[in-house]
C-alpha atoms as a PDB file:
ATOM      1  CA  MET A   1     120.423 112.615 118.186  1.00  0.00           C
ATOM      2  CA  PRO A   2     120.687 109.941 119.552  1.00  0.00           C
ATOM      3  CA  SER A   3     123.922 107.351 120.157  1.00  0.00           C
ATOM      4  CA  LEU A   4     124.170 104.418 118.138  1.00  0.00           C
ATOM      5  CA  SER A   5     125.511 102.951 121.828  1.00  0.00           C
ATOM      6  CA  LEU A   6     122.185 103.266 123.098  1.00  0.00           C
ATOM      7  CA  LEU A   7     121.250 100.288 120.636  1.00  0.00           C
ATOM      8  CA  ALA A   8     123.437  98.179 123.437  1.00  0.00           C
ATOM      9  CA  THR A   9     121.461  98.826 126.363  1.00  0.00           C
ATOM     10  CA  PRO A  10     117.724  97.156 127.208  1.00  0.00           C
ATOM     11  CA  ALA A  11     116.213 100.366 126.946  1.00  0.00           C
ATOM     12  CA  PRO A  12     115.342 100.866 123.369  1.00  0.00           C
ATOM     13  CA  TRP A  13     114.491  97.563 122.926  1.00  0.00           C
ATOM     14  CA  HIS A  14     112.147  97.847 125.666  1.00  0.00           C
ATOM     15  CA  ILE A  15     110.152 100.693 124.528  1.00  0.00           C
ATOM     16  CA  LEU A  16     110.087  98.815 120.801  1.00  0.00           C
ATOM     17  CA  ALA A  17     108.522  95.440 122.078  1.00  0.00           C
ATOM     18  CA  TYR A  18     105.803  97.232 124.004  1.00  0.00           C
ATOM     19  CA  GLY A  19     105.047  99.518 121.343  1.00  0.00           C
ATOM     20  CA  THR A  20     105.060  96.485 118.850  1.00  0.00           C
ATOM     21  CA  LEU A  21     103.242  94.911 121.325  1.00  0.00           C
ATOM     22  CA  LEU A  22     100.323  97.227 122.181  1.00  0.00           C
ATOM     23  CA  GLY A  23     100.366  98.579 118.484  1.00  0.00           C
ATOM     24  CA  THR A  24      99.364  95.317 116.669  1.00  0.00           C
ATOM     25  CA  THR A  25      96.706  94.336 119.324  1.00  0.00           C
ATOM     26  CA  PHE A  26      95.055  97.076 118.904  1.00  0.00           C
ATOM     27  CA  PHE A  27      95.121  97.056 114.799  1.00  0.00           C
ATOM     28  CA  GLN A  28      94.316  93.315 114.847  1.00  0.00           C
ATOM     29  CA  SER A  29      91.533  94.084 117.169  1.00  0.00           C
ATOM     30  CA  PHE A  30      89.764  97.333 116.257  1.00  0.00           C
ATOM     31  CA  VAL A  31      91.092  97.820 112.888  1.00  0.00           C
ATOM     32  CA  GLY A  32      92.211  94.268 110.654  1.00  0.00           C
ATOM     33  CA  GLY A  33      89.648  92.572 112.151  1.00  0.00           C
ATOM     34  CA  ILE A  34      86.987  94.433 111.213  1.00  0.00           C
ATOM     35  CA  VAL A  35      87.742  95.894 108.382  1.00  0.00           C
ATOM     36  CA  ALA A  36      88.701  92.351 107.012  1.00  0.00           C
ATOM     37  CA  PHE A  37      84.850  91.186 107.888  1.00  0.00           C
ATOM     38  CA  ARG A  38      83.432  93.924 106.223  1.00  0.00           C
ATOM     39  CA  CYS A  39      85.179  93.468 103.302  1.00  0.00           C
ATOM     40  CA  LEU A  40      86.005  89.902 102.696  1.00  0.00           C
ATOM     41  CA  PRO A  41      83.612  86.789 101.872  1.00  0.00           C
ATOM     42  CA  ARG A  42      83.248  85.556 104.940  1.00  0.00           C
ATOM     43  CA  PRO A  43      85.126  81.860 103.518  1.00  0.00           C
ATOM     44  CA  GLN A  44      88.346  84.203 102.323  1.00  0.00           C
ATOM     45  CA  PHE A  45      87.624  86.217 106.281  1.00  0.00           C
ATOM     46  CA  SER A  46      87.983  82.781 107.561  1.00  0.00           C
ATOM     47  CA  THR A  47      91.132  81.490 106.211  1.00  0.00           C
ATOM     48  CA  LEU A  48      92.833  84.857 106.723  1.00  0.00           C
ATOM     49  CA  GLN A  49      92.385  84.618 110.397  1.00  0.00           C
ATOM     50  CA  GLN A  50      92.982  81.286 110.605  1.00  0.00           C
ATOM     51  CA  ASN A  51      96.931  82.144 109.171  1.00  0.00           C
ATOM     52  CA  ILE A  52      96.906  86.015 111.126  1.00  0.00           C
ATOM     53  CA  PHE A  53      95.949  84.599 114.811  1.00  0.00           C
ATOM     54  CA  PRO A  54      98.891  81.949 115.087  1.00  0.00           C
ATOM     55  CA  VAL A  55     101.453  84.774 114.408  1.00  0.00           C
ATOM     56  CA  TYR A  56      99.069  87.396 116.528  1.00  0.00           C
ATOM     57  CA  PHE A  57      99.174  84.519 119.430  1.00  0.00           C
ATOM     58  CA  ALA A  58     102.559  84.253 119.099  1.00  0.00           C
ATOM     59  CA  LEU A  59     103.767  87.710 118.946  1.00  0.00           C
ATOM     60  CA  GLN A  60     101.379  88.514 122.151  1.00  0.00           C
ATOM     61  CA  THR A  61     103.502  85.383 124.123  1.00  0.00           C
ATOM     62  CA  ALA A  62     106.669  86.202 122.884  1.00  0.00           C
ATOM     63  CA  LEU A  63     106.947  89.681 123.389  1.00  0.00           C
ATOM     64  CA  PRO A  64     106.077  90.548 126.890  1.00  0.00           C
ATOM     65  CA  ALA A  65     108.864  87.777 128.001  1.00  0.00           C
ATOM     66  CA  ALA A  66     110.882  90.088 126.029  1.00  0.00           C
ATOM     67  CA  LEU A  67     109.306  92.880 128.171  1.00  0.00           C
ATOM     68  CA  VAL A  68     111.096  90.940 130.981  1.00  0.00           C
ATOM     69  CA  PHE A  69     114.331  90.368 129.506  1.00  0.00           C
ATOM     70  CA  THR A  70     114.853  93.663 128.673  1.00  0.00           C
ATOM     71  CA  TYR A  71     113.398  95.864 131.290  1.00  0.00           C
ATOM     72  CA  PRO A  72     115.485  98.743 132.146  1.00  0.00           C
ATOM     73  CA  ALA A  73     117.177  98.840 135.028  1.00  0.00           C
ATOM     74  CA  THR A  74     117.092 102.277 135.205  1.00  0.00           C
ATOM     75  CA  VAL A  75     113.360 101.809 135.229  1.00  0.00           C
ATOM     76  CA  LEU A  76     113.330  99.631 137.520  1.00  0.00           C
ATOM     77  CA  GLY A  77     115.172 101.912 140.390  1.00  0.00           C
ATOM     78  CA  SER A  78     118.122  99.776 142.769  1.00  0.00           C
ATOM     79  CA  GLY A  79     116.107  96.652 143.314  1.00  0.00           C
ATOM     80  CA  GLY A  80     115.929  95.245 139.882  1.00  0.00           C
ATOM     81  CA  TRP A  81     113.466  93.263 138.321  1.00  0.00           C
ATOM     82  CA  SER A  82     112.888  91.143 141.427  1.00  0.00           C
ATOM     83  CA  ALA A  83     112.357  94.201 143.211  1.00  0.00           C
ATOM     84  CA  ALA A  84     109.142  95.021 140.646  1.00  0.00           C
ATOM     85  CA  LEU A  85     107.383  91.801 140.744  1.00  0.00           C
ATOM     86  CA  ASP A  86     107.686  92.183 145.038  1.00  0.00           C
ATOM     87  CA  ASN A  87     106.381  95.382 145.102  1.00  0.00           C
ATOM     88  CA  ALA A  88     103.803  94.527 141.796  1.00  0.00           C
ATOM     89  CA  ALA A  89     100.719  95.530 143.951  1.00  0.00           C
ATOM     90  CA  GLY A  90     102.045  98.586 145.698  1.00  0.00           C
ATOM     91  CA  GLY A  91     104.438  99.703 142.908  1.00  0.00           C
ATOM     92  CA  GLY A  92     102.044 100.181 139.805  1.00  0.00           C
ATOM     93  CA  GLY A  93     101.959  96.524 139.004  1.00  0.00           C
ATOM     94  CA  ALA A  94     104.274  95.858 136.262  1.00  0.00           C
ATOM     95  CA  GLY A  95     105.015  93.381 136.818  1.00  0.00           C
ATOM     96  CA  VAL A  96     101.513  91.896 137.754  1.00  0.00           C
ATOM     97  CA  SER A  97     100.516  93.612 133.957  1.00  0.00           C
ATOM     98  CA  ILE A  98     103.146  92.358 132.070  1.00  0.00           C
ATOM     99  CA  LEU A  99     102.573  88.632 133.439  1.00  0.00           C
ATOM    100  CA  VAL A 100      98.512  89.143 132.309  1.00  0.00           C
ATOM    101  CA  MET A 101     100.089  89.764 128.892  1.00  0.00           C
ATOM    102  CA  PHE A 102     102.214  86.571 128.681  1.00  0.00           C
ATOM    103  CA  LEU A 103      99.677  84.485 129.660  1.00  0.00           C
ATOM    104  CA  GLY A 104      96.836  86.070 127.983  1.00  0.00           C
ATOM    105  CA  GLY A 105      98.724  85.405 124.681  1.00  0.00           C
ATOM    106  CA  LEU A 106      99.845  82.094 125.764  1.00  0.00           C
ATOM    107  CA  LEU A 107      96.324  80.839 126.831  1.00  0.00           C
ATOM    108  CA  ASN A 108      94.741  82.252 123.569  1.00  0.00           C
ATOM    109  CA  ALA A 109      98.021  80.135 121.790  1.00  0.00           C
ATOM    110  CA  ALA A 110      97.699  77.228 122.843  1.00  0.00           C
ATOM    111  CA  VAL A 111      94.433  76.402 124.431  1.00  0.00           C
ATOM    112  CA  LEU A 112      91.856  79.004 122.424  1.00  0.00           C
ATOM    113  CA  GLY A 113      92.872  79.472 119.252  1.00  0.00           C
ATOM    114  CA  PRO A 114      93.323  75.812 118.292  1.00  0.00           C
ATOM    115  CA  ALA A 115      90.181  74.981 119.921  1.00  0.00           C
ATOM    116  CA  THR A 116      88.539  77.605 118.129  1.00  0.00           C
ATOM    117  CA  THR A 117      90.167  76.710 114.715  1.00  0.00           C
ATOM    118  CA  LYS A 118      89.142  73.086 115.272  1.00  0.00           C
ATOM    119  CA  CYS A 119      85.611  73.833 116.036  1.00  0.00           C
ATOM    120  CA  MET A 120      85.544  76.003 112.392  1.00  0.00           C
ATOM    121  CA  ARG A 121      86.760  73.063 110.662  1.00  0.00           C
ATOM    122  CA  GLU A 122      84.371  70.518 112.437  1.00  0.00           C
ATOM    123  CA  ARG A 123      81.466  73.170 111.548  1.00  0.00           C
ATOM    124  CA  LYS A 124      83.164  72.987 107.666  1.00  0.00           C
ATOM    125  CA  HIS A 125      82.420  69.535 107.452  1.00  0.00           C
ATOM    126  CA  GLN A 126      79.229  69.783 109.450  1.00  0.00           C
ATOM    127  CA  GLU A 127      78.073  72.190 106.688  1.00  0.00           C
ATOM    128  CA  THR A 128      78.585  69.902 104.098  1.00  0.00           C
ATOM    129  CA  ARG A 129      76.404  67.152 105.848  1.00  0.00           C
ATOM    130  CA  ASP A 130      74.291  69.494 106.231  1.00  0.00           C
ATOM    131  CA  GLY A 131      74.058  71.455 103.124  1.00  0.00           C
ATOM    132  CA  LYS A 132      73.993  74.512 105.044  1.00  0.00           C
ATOM    133  CA  LYS A 133      76.064  77.309 106.193  1.00  0.00           C
ATOM    134  CA  SER A 134      76.715  77.948 109.351  1.00  0.00           C
ATOM    135  CA  TYR A 135      74.967  81.531 109.054  1.00  0.00           C
ATOM    136  CA  ASP A 136      72.399  80.589 107.261  1.00  0.00           C
ATOM    137  CA  ALA A 137      69.149  81.301 108.591  1.00  0.00           C
ATOM    138  CA  GLY A 138      67.835  78.173 110.634  1.00  0.00           C
ATOM    139  CA  PRO A 139      66.618  75.507 111.087  1.00  0.00           C
ATOM    140  CA  HIS A 140      70.232  73.860 112.005  1.00  0.00           C
ATOM    141  CA  SER A 141      70.780  70.296 112.585  1.00  0.00           C
ATOM    142  CA  ASP A 142      71.519  69.961 116.697  1.00  0.00           C
ATOM    143  CA  ALA A 143      74.732  69.204 115.160  1.00  0.00           C
ATOM    144  CA  MET A 144      75.102  72.382 114.078  1.00  0.00           C
ATOM    145  CA  GLN A 145      73.754  74.530 116.797  1.00  0.00           C
ATOM    146  CA  ARG A 146      75.967  72.551 118.881  1.00  0.00           C
ATOM    147  CA  LEU A 147      79.410  73.180 116.985  1.00  0.00           C
ATOM    148  CA  ASN A 148      78.004  77.218 116.762  1.00  0.00           C
ATOM    149  CA  SER A 149      77.180  77.343 120.563  1.00  0.00           C
ATOM    150  CA  GLN A 150      81.025  76.295 121.308  1.00  0.00           C
ATOM    151  CA  PHE A 151      82.518  78.503 118.502  1.00  0.00           C
ATOM    152  CA  SER A 152      80.437  80.852 119.892  1.00  0.00           C
ATOM    153  CA  LEU A 153      81.824  80.691 123.293  1.00  0.00           C
ATOM    154  CA  LEU A 154      85.410  80.008 122.479  1.00  0.00           C
ATOM    155  CA  HIS A 155      85.666  83.370 120.594  1.00  0.00           C
ATOM    156  CA  GLY A 156      84.091  84.771 123.157  1.00  0.00           C
ATOM    157  CA  LEU A 157      86.621  83.572 125.305  1.00  0.00           C
ATOM    158  CA  SER A 158      89.553  84.620 122.970  1.00  0.00           C
ATOM    159  CA  SER A 159      87.875  87.802 122.444  1.00  0.00           C
ATOM    160  CA  LEU A 160      87.912  88.435 126.209  1.00  0.00           C
ATOM    161  CA  VAL A 161      91.549  87.361 126.993  1.00  0.00           C
ATOM    162  CA  ASN A 162      92.508  89.546 124.236  1.00  0.00           C
ATOM    163  CA  MET A 163      90.351  92.405 125.345  1.00  0.00           C
ATOM    164  CA  ILE A 164      92.041  91.689 129.295  1.00  0.00           C
ATOM    165  CA  ALA A 165      95.330  91.269 127.823  1.00  0.00           C
ATOM    166  CA  LEU A 166      94.707  94.771 125.999  1.00  0.00           C
ATOM    167  CA  GLY A 167      93.832  96.461 129.334  1.00  0.00           C
ATOM    168  CA  ALA A 168      97.406  95.463 130.955  1.00  0.00           C
ATOM    169  CA  MET A 169      99.002  96.850 127.966  1.00  0.00           C
ATOM    170  CA  VAL A 170      97.581 100.165 128.447  1.00  0.00           C
ATOM    171  CA  TRP A 171      97.803 100.118 132.564  1.00  0.00           C
ATOM    172  CA  TYR A 172     101.555  98.949 131.440  1.00  0.00           C
ATOM    173  CA  GLY A 173     102.016 101.700 129.474  1.00  0.00           C
ATOM    174  CA  LEU A 174     100.924 103.760 131.863  1.00  0.00           C
ATOM    175  CA  VAL A 175     102.868 102.103 134.708  1.00  0.00           C
ATOM    176  CA  LEU A 176     106.139 102.740 132.293  1.00  0.00           C
ATOM    177  CA  ALA A 177     104.734 106.802 131.155  1.00  0.00           C
ATOM    178  CA  GLU A 178     105.292 107.239 135.117  1.00  0.00           C
ATOM    179  CA  ARG A 179     108.363 105.567 136.174  1.00  0.00           C
ATOM    180  CA  LEU A 180     110.088 107.286 133.084  1.00  0.00           C
ATOM    181  CA  SER A 181     108.879 110.868 134.045  1.00  0.00           C
ATOM    182  CA  LEU A 182     110.584 110.352 137.998  1.00  0.00           C
END
């Protein structure tokens, strides 16, 4: 049974932050979002996603920062965090992985998420003007075609950034596991 004094060290908090980050990203990307899309009518799905994504992207930004502050010295070795950053390319990429995770969350939280939500709102207004849903069969107005293209681009970029961050999370898990097994 672990000693409660372990809670005063960064190691358990590091593992919990990493597990929460990887788990929420995997669940939202491959389970929750897909199930919600299949089960909910489009307007309710849109409302759900507009409310989940700000929290989700905030977690994807905050938890990599928590990983930096809780990085256990025993995993890093004697050089500490600065040595891990210096040796990131040759030493497994722990620092680079965490940076990619953080930047992915930040990009989605600060730029792509808000831009996608703004585009969705503009599409909703255009639907009212056109008397036709954005996802109905065409033809669509020029304005709706432009908004649909813009939404597809923003959504695709956000998804790509999310998958790159997820790849960095998995890579980081492998780096962490390797260092813990030494």
